[in-house]
């Protein structure tokens, strides 16, 4: 390995992004831990991701809140919080900082200026570093494979590209106690929300598809965050059949278990689509951002990703949905 395990005892992973982005990097995190079984690995991320590192305790030993930086859109910049962060990471004495945030155009210089440890990761023209440590940001491939390619560039074996998302036993029990009827019924999850309205398939389309599932005998369960309640309500109001509205009622463990036990997930290309990939639940994913090759699930037999920017044919979505439900029904039996 380019950073020997004997001398690389403390590693920072910089990835201050949302759930879907984090899940796509899990195979790389797994490879990193396998290569450095005794190292202390710490995530620098958004506040919510502290719980992510606790859930993935096999891969991470700790968490430091990254407070934002000018030109990074995920959170506002606070100069006082930034200086506190700088002081902390310098005191931590990291042997390696992995830049897994993006192409490096904004953050590579920032990470070097921290003077908190050796930096490796992605780069683009104009922000290059040591070619042994930096990989030109790959375009046109899956986000999962992009980060595995970085591991390979650093001579870290990439074991596999499978996603995972652990659910704690108490979360599983809570789900069964809270939603006992769902443990016996066949149901389809409809998740109409997404970060940014431009990434959302029209509510009328979700409603029609939900009614189609209900007409086939499936319970329809509408999910989303509390902030997505208006779009979830619009979908339900447009439906002819009744639906169970669980918007804002499920934590990460519960939504994972909900999707795991579902017959199908129908969603935009957003965080829950990666949960379905991790739980191996069939899914229909509507890609509204024109990057299905980057964000779509890898298993194209189990998951149908529809690039709505190139082919906005509703019948294609219905056909994909019916094919997945038919295969699921045949496999599960009566």
Protein backbone atom coordinates (compact mmCIF):
# COMPACT_ATOMS: atom_id res chain seq x y z
CA UNK A 1 0.00 0.00 0.00
CA UNK A 2 1.18 3.53 -0.72
CA UNK A 3 0.53 4.45 2.90
CA UNK A 4 1.89 1.49 4.90
CA UNK A 5 -0.38 0.12 7.61
CA UNK A 6 2.48 0.06 10.12
CA UNK A 7 2.90 3.84 9.98
CA UNK A 8 -0.65 4.90 9.04
CA UNK A 9 -2.32 4.73 12.41
CA UNK A 10 -4.85 7.55 12.16
CA UNK A 11 -6.91 8.28 9.04
CA UNK A 12 -9.43 11.04 8.35
CA UNK A 13 -12.09 10.54 5.68
CA UNK A 14 -13.47 13.83 4.39
CA UNK A 15 -16.98 13.35 2.97
CA UNK A 16 -19.41 15.99 4.23
CA UNK A 17 -22.46 14.92 2.22
CA UNK A 18 -25.92 13.37 2.58
CA UNK A 19 -27.12 9.78 3.13
CA UNK A 20 -27.14 8.56 -0.46
CA UNK A 21 -23.63 9.89 -1.07
CA UNK A 22 -22.40 8.18 2.09
CA UNK A 23 -23.99 4.84 1.24
CA UNK A 24 -22.35 4.84 -2.18
CA UNK A 25 -18.95 5.13 -0.47
CA UNK A 26 -19.53 2.22 1.94
CA UNK A 27 -17.71 -0.36 -0.25
CA UNK A 28 -14.69 1.96 -0.23
CA UNK A 29 -14.98 2.39 3.56
CA UNK A 30 -15.08 -1.39 3.88
CA UNK A 31 -11.95 -1.74 1.75
CA UNK A 32 -10.22 0.93 3.81
CA UNK A 33 -10.95 -0.84 7.08
CA UNK A 34 -9.80 -4.19 5.68
CA UNK A 35 -6.52 -2.60 4.64
CA UNK A 36 -6.03 -0.78 7.96
CA UNK A 37 -7.63 -3.06 10.59
CA UNK A 38 -5.84 -1.40 13.52
CA UNK A 39 -6.01 2.22 12.41
CA UNK A 40 -8.22 4.87 13.99
CA UNK A 41 -10.53 6.00 11.16
CA UNK A 42 -12.46 9.25 11.68
CA UNK A 43 -15.11 10.77 9.42
CA UNK A 44 -15.18 14.52 8.81
CA UNK A 45 -18.81 15.09 7.86
CA UNK A 46 -22.11 16.91 8.27
CA UNK A 47 -23.73 16.84 11.74
CA UNK A 48 -26.21 14.07 10.88
CA UNK A 49 -23.34 11.73 9.92
CA UNK A 50 -22.25 11.20 13.52
CA UNK A 51 -25.05 8.62 13.72
CA UNK A 52 -23.77 7.14 10.44
CA UNK A 53 -20.36 6.45 11.98
CA UNK A 54 -22.06 4.87 15.00
CA UNK A 55 -24.13 2.64 12.72
CA UNK A 56 -20.99 1.71 10.79
CA UNK A 57 -18.87 1.25 13.88
CA UNK A 58 -16.96 -1.59 12.23
CA UNK A 59 -15.50 0.94 9.78
CA UNK A 60 -15.25 4.15 11.82
CA UNK A 61 -13.81 4.93 15.25
CA UNK A 62 -14.96 8.53 15.48
CA UNK A 63 -16.52 11.61 13.96
CA UNK A 64 -15.60 15.30 13.62
CA UNK A 65 -18.15 17.81 12.43
CA UNK A 66 -16.90 19.60 9.32
CA UNK A 67 -18.35 23.13 9.73
CA UNK A 68 -18.53 24.14 6.09
CA UNK A 69 -16.31 26.13 3.78
CA UNK A 70 -16.83 28.92 1.20
CA UNK A 71 -18.07 27.55 -2.16
CA UNK A 72 -19.33 24.31 -0.59
CA UNK A 73 -23.16 24.37 -0.73
CA UNK A 74 -24.06 21.79 1.93
CA UNK A 75 -24.03 24.20 4.89
CA UNK A 76 -23.32 27.88 5.63
CA UNK A 77 -19.77 28.92 6.51
CA UNK A 78 -19.03 30.06 10.07
CA UNK A 79 -15.56 31.52 10.61
CA UNK A 80 -15.48 30.82 14.36
CA UNK A 81 -16.59 27.20 13.86
CA UNK A 82 -14.01 26.84 11.10
CA UNK A 83 -11.15 28.00 13.31
CA UNK A 84 -12.26 25.60 16.05
CA UNK A 85 -12.26 22.78 13.49
CA UNK A 86 -8.78 23.72 12.24
CA UNK A 87 -7.39 23.71 15.76
CA UNK A 88 -8.97 20.36 16.55
CA UNK A 89 -7.77 18.47 13.47
CA UNK A 90 -4.24 19.80 13.87
CA UNK A 91 -4.17 18.56 17.44
CA UNK A 92 -5.44 15.13 16.33
CA UNK A 93 -2.26 14.48 14.29
CA UNK A 94 -3.67 12.46 11.39
CA UNK A 95 -1.29 10.38 9.32
CA UNK A 96 -3.58 10.49 6.27
CA UNK A 97 -6.52 12.61 5.11
CA UNK A 98 -8.59 11.03 2.33
CA UNK A 99 -10.37 13.56 0.12
CA UNK A 100 -13.57 11.72 -0.85
CA UNK A 101 -15.74 14.83 -1.13
CA UNK A 102 -15.56 15.46 -4.86
CA UNK A 103 -13.22 16.39 -7.70
CA UNK A 104 -11.01 18.53 -5.48
CA UNK A 105 -11.46 21.84 -7.29
CA UNK A 106 -12.50 23.54 -4.04
CA UNK A 107 -11.28 21.34 -1.23
CA UNK A 108 -7.81 20.08 -2.15
CA UNK A 109 -6.09 23.37 -1.42
CA UNK A 110 -8.20 23.72 1.73
CA UNK A 111 -7.09 20.32 3.02
CA UNK A 112 -3.43 21.01 2.30
CA UNK A 113 -3.65 24.38 4.05
CA UNK A 114 -4.97 22.66 7.16
CA UNK A 115 -1.50 21.21 7.68
CA UNK A 116 -3.12 18.35 9.57
CA UNK A 117 -1.62 15.34 7.77
CA UNK A 118 -0.76 13.91 4.34
CA UNK A 119 -3.60 14.33 1.83
CA UNK A 120 -4.68 11.88 -0.87
CA UNK A 121 -7.80 11.65 -3.01
CA UNK A 122 -9.34 12.98 -6.20
CA UNK A 123 -8.13 15.86 -8.31
CA UNK A 124 -8.91 17.68 -11.54
CA UNK A 125 -6.67 19.83 -13.68
CA UNK A 126 -5.41 22.77 -11.70
CA UNK A 127 -5.46 21.11 -8.27
CA UNK A 128 -3.11 18.19 -8.83
CA UNK A 129 -0.97 16.71 -6.10
CA UNK A 130 1.48 13.85 -5.88
CA UNK A 131 0.34 11.49 -8.69
CA UNK A 132 1.01 8.53 -6.42
CA UNK A 133 -1.59 9.85 -3.98
CA UNK A 134 -4.09 11.62 -6.23
CA UNK A 135 -6.38 10.14 -8.86
CA UNK A 136 -7.96 12.21 -11.62
CA UNK A 137 -11.67 12.35 -10.84
CA UNK A 138 -13.33 9.62 -12.96
CA UNK A 139 -16.37 10.73 -14.95
CA UNK A 140 -19.20 8.67 -16.40
CA UNK A 141 -19.07 5.80 -13.90
CA UNK A 142 -21.00 4.74 -10.80
CA UNK A 143 -20.33 6.72 -7.63
CA UNK A 144 -19.64 3.36 -5.98
CA UNK A 145 -16.96 2.41 -8.48
CA UNK A 146 -15.47 5.91 -8.43
CA UNK A 147 -14.46 5.53 -4.79
CA UNK A 148 -13.34 1.94 -5.22
CA UNK A 149 -11.11 3.16 -8.04
CA UNK A 150 -9.52 5.61 -5.60
CA UNK A 151 -8.86 2.75 -3.19
CA UNK A 152 -7.24 0.75 -5.99
CA UNK A 153 -5.11 3.76 -6.94
CA UNK A 154 -3.80 3.79 -3.36
CA UNK A 155 -3.10 0.02 -3.61
CA UNK A 156 -5.99 -0.79 -1.27
CA UNK A 157 -7.78 -3.97 -2.45
CA UNK A 158 -11.45 -3.40 -3.33
CA UNK A 159 -13.18 -6.60 -2.22
CA UNK A 160 -16.64 -6.01 -3.70
CA UNK A 161 -19.08 -3.27 -4.65
CA UNK A 162 -22.06 -4.36 -2.55
CA UNK A 163 -23.88 -1.77 -0.45
CA UNK A 164 -24.91 -2.45 3.14
CA UNK A 165 -26.91 -0.68 5.84
CA UNK A 166 -27.09 -2.34 9.26
CA UNK A 167 -30.31 -2.24 11.30
CA UNK A 168 -30.03 -2.65 15.06
CA UNK A 169 -32.13 -5.33 16.76
CA UNK A 170 -34.01 -2.73 18.80
CA UNK A 171 -34.88 -0.82 15.62
CA UNK A 172 -36.20 -4.00 14.04
CA UNK A 173 -38.31 -4.78 17.10
CA UNK A 174 -39.61 -1.22 17.22
CA UNK A 175 -40.62 -1.43 13.58
CA UNK A 176 -42.54 -4.66 14.17
CA UNK A 177 -44.30 -3.22 17.22
CA UNK A 178 -45.12 0.08 15.52
CA UNK A 179 -46.34 -1.37 12.21
CA UNK A 180 -47.54 -4.93 13.00
CA UNK A 181 -49.88 -5.19 10.01
CA UNK A 182 -47.07 -4.52 7.54
CA UNK A 183 -45.21 -7.62 8.67
CA UNK A 184 -48.03 -9.75 7.20
CA UNK A 185 -49.11 -7.73 4.16
CA UNK A 186 -47.63 -7.36 0.73
CA UNK A 187 -46.87 -3.71 0.26
CA UNK A 188 -45.15 -1.25 -2.04
CA UNK A 189 -43.27 1.82 -0.78
CA UNK A 190 -43.79 5.07 -2.67
CA UNK A 191 -41.19 7.75 -1.86
CA UNK A 192 -42.06 10.85 -3.92
CA UNK A 193 -39.70 13.37 -2.26
CA UNK A 194 -36.11 14.28 -2.98
CA UNK A 195 -33.69 17.09 -2.21
CA UNK A 196 -34.52 19.77 -4.75
CA UNK A 197 -37.81 20.03 -6.64
CA UNK A 198 -35.99 19.59 -9.95
CA UNK A 199 -35.15 16.00 -8.93
CA UNK A 200 -38.77 15.06 -8.20
CA UNK A 201 -40.99 13.10 -10.53
CA UNK A 202 -44.49 14.69 -10.74
CA UNK A 203 -46.83 13.74 -7.85
CA UNK A 204 -49.56 12.89 -10.35
CA UNK A 205 -47.33 10.19 -11.86
CA UNK A 206 -46.52 8.74 -8.43
CA UNK A 207 -50.24 8.70 -7.62
CA UNK A 208 -51.13 6.85 -10.81
CA UNK A 209 -48.40 4.29 -10.21
CA UNK A 210 -49.48 3.86 -6.59
CA UNK A 211 -53.08 3.24 -7.68
CA UNK A 212 -51.83 0.69 -10.20
CA UNK A 213 -50.06 -1.20 -7.38
CA UNK A 214 -53.12 -0.98 -5.16
CA UNK A 215 -55.24 -2.36 -7.99
CA UNK A 216 -52.91 -5.36 -8.11
CA UNK A 217 -53.63 -6.04 -4.44
CA UNK A 218 -50.69 -4.35 -2.73
CA UNK A 219 -50.91 -2.07 0.27
CA UNK A 220 -49.43 1.31 -0.67
CA UNK A 221 -47.12 2.91 1.89
CA UNK A 222 -46.01 6.50 1.28
CA UNK A 223 -42.75 7.50 2.93
CA UNK A 224 -40.61 10.59 3.28
CA UNK A 225 -39.06 13.00 5.73
CA UNK A 226 -41.16 15.46 7.70
CA UNK A 227 -40.07 18.18 5.27
CA UNK A 228 -41.47 16.10 2.40
CA UNK A 229 -44.96 15.89 3.92
CA UNK A 230 -46.54 18.34 1.42
CA UNK A 231 -45.52 16.33 -1.64
CA UNK A 232 -46.50 13.07 0.07
CA UNK A 233 -49.92 14.52 0.89
CA UNK A 234 -50.35 15.66 -2.71
CA UNK A 235 -49.66 12.13 -3.95
CA UNK A 236 -52.15 10.62 -1.49
CA UNK A 237 -54.81 13.23 -2.31
CA UNK A 238 -54.50 12.37 -6.00
CA UNK A 239 -54.92 8.62 -5.40
CA UNK A 240 -58.20 6.75 -5.81
CA UNK A 241 -57.14 3.98 -3.40
CA UNK A 242 -56.26 4.53 0.27
CA UNK A 243 -52.59 4.67 1.29
CA UNK A 244 -50.73 4.44 4.58
CA UNK A 245 -48.87 7.71 5.16
CA UNK A 246 -45.66 7.18 7.16
CA UNK A 247 -44.09 10.48 6.18
CA UNK A 248 -41.91 11.77 9.00
CA UNK A 249 -42.58 8.68 11.16
CA UNK A 250 -39.51 6.57 10.39
CA UNK A 251 -35.91 6.93 11.48
CA UNK A 252 -33.09 5.51 9.38
CA UNK A 253 -33.29 2.05 10.92
CA UNK A 254 -37.06 1.91 10.54
CA UNK A 255 -37.13 3.10 6.93
CA UNK A 256 -34.43 0.55 6.14
CA UNK A 257 -36.46 -2.27 7.69
CA UNK A 258 -39.60 -0.97 5.98
CA UNK A 259 -37.90 -1.10 2.59
CA UNK A 260 -36.27 -4.45 3.35
CA UNK A 261 -39.67 -6.08 3.88
CA UNK A 262 -41.40 -4.30 0.98
CA UNK A 263 -42.16 -6.00 -2.30
CA UNK A 264 -41.06 -2.93 -4.23
CA UNK A 265 -39.80 0.63 -3.79
CA UNK A 266 -40.75 3.35 -6.25
CA UNK A 267 -38.77 6.56 -5.81
CA UNK A 268 -36.81 9.36 -7.30
CA UNK A 269 -33.06 8.84 -7.54
CA UNK A 270 -32.41 9.74 -3.91
CA UNK A 271 -31.19 8.24 -0.64
CA UNK A 272 -33.86 5.55 -0.33
CA UNK A 273 -32.91 4.11 -3.72
CA UNK A 274 -29.51 3.26 -2.23
CA UNK A 275 -31.22 1.75 0.81
CA UNK A 276 -33.14 -0.54 -1.56
CA UNK A 277 -29.86 -1.48 -3.21
CA UNK A 278 -28.38 -2.29 0.21
CA UNK A 279 -31.39 -4.37 1.29
CA UNK A 280 -31.76 -5.99 -2.16
CA UNK A 281 -35.37 -4.86 -2.42
CA UNK A 282 -36.61 -4.50 -6.03
CA UNK A 283 -37.01 -0.87 -7.02
CA UNK A 284 -38.10 1.45 -9.78
CA UNK A 285 -35.94 4.56 -9.69
CA UNK A 286 -36.82 7.68 -11.64
CA UNK A 287 -33.66 9.59 -12.55
CA UNK A 288 -34.41 13.27 -13.03
CA UNK A 289 -30.83 14.56 -12.95
CA UNK A 290 -29.54 12.92 -16.13
CA UNK A 291 -26.91 10.86 -14.29
CA UNK A 292 -28.39 7.35 -14.00
CA UNK A 293 -24.98 5.79 -14.67
CA UNK A 294 -23.63 7.60 -11.59
CA UNK A 295 -26.46 7.16 -9.09
CA UNK A 296 -28.54 4.23 -10.32
CA UNK A 297 -28.29 0.88 -8.47
CA UNK A 298 -25.72 -1.47 -9.97
CA UNK A 299 -27.97 -4.55 -10.14
CA UNK A 300 -30.04 -3.75 -13.23
CA UNK A 301 -32.04 -6.97 -12.93
CA UNK A 302 -33.33 -6.13 -9.45
CA UNK A 303 -33.61 -2.38 -9.99
CA UNK A 304 -35.05 -0.53 -12.98
CA UNK A 305 -33.61 2.97 -13.36
CA UNK A 306 -35.57 5.17 -15.76
CA UNK A 307 -33.73 8.20 -17.16
CA UNK A 308 -36.67 10.59 -17.42
CA UNK A 309 -34.50 13.26 -19.07
CA UNK A 310 -34.06 11.04 -22.12
CA UNK A 311 -37.23 8.96 -22.22
CA UNK A 312 -40.23 10.37 -20.36
CA UNK A 313 -42.51 7.49 -21.26
CA UNK A 314 -44.83 6.61 -18.38
CA UNK A 315 -45.58 3.21 -19.93
CA UNK A 316 -41.90 2.25 -19.58
CA UNK A 317 -42.14 2.88 -15.85
CA UNK A 318 -45.29 0.77 -15.58
CA UNK A 319 -43.69 -2.06 -17.55
CA UNK A 320 -40.63 -2.04 -15.29
CA UNK A 321 -42.79 -2.03 -12.19
CA UNK A 322 -45.01 -4.90 -13.38
CA UNK A 323 -42.00 -7.00 -14.37
CA UNK A 324 -40.40 -6.61 -10.94
CA UNK A 325 -43.63 -7.35 -9.06
CA UNK A 326 -44.33 -10.39 -11.22
CA UNK A 327 -40.85 -11.78 -10.61
CA UNK A 328 -41.10 -11.03 -6.89
CA UNK A 329 -44.50 -12.75 -6.67
CA UNK A 330 -43.27 -15.87 -8.49
CA UNK A 331 -40.20 -16.07 -6.24
CA UNK A 332 -42.16 -15.56 -3.00
CA UNK A 333 -44.96 -17.92 -3.91
CA UNK A 334 -48.66 -17.51 -2.98
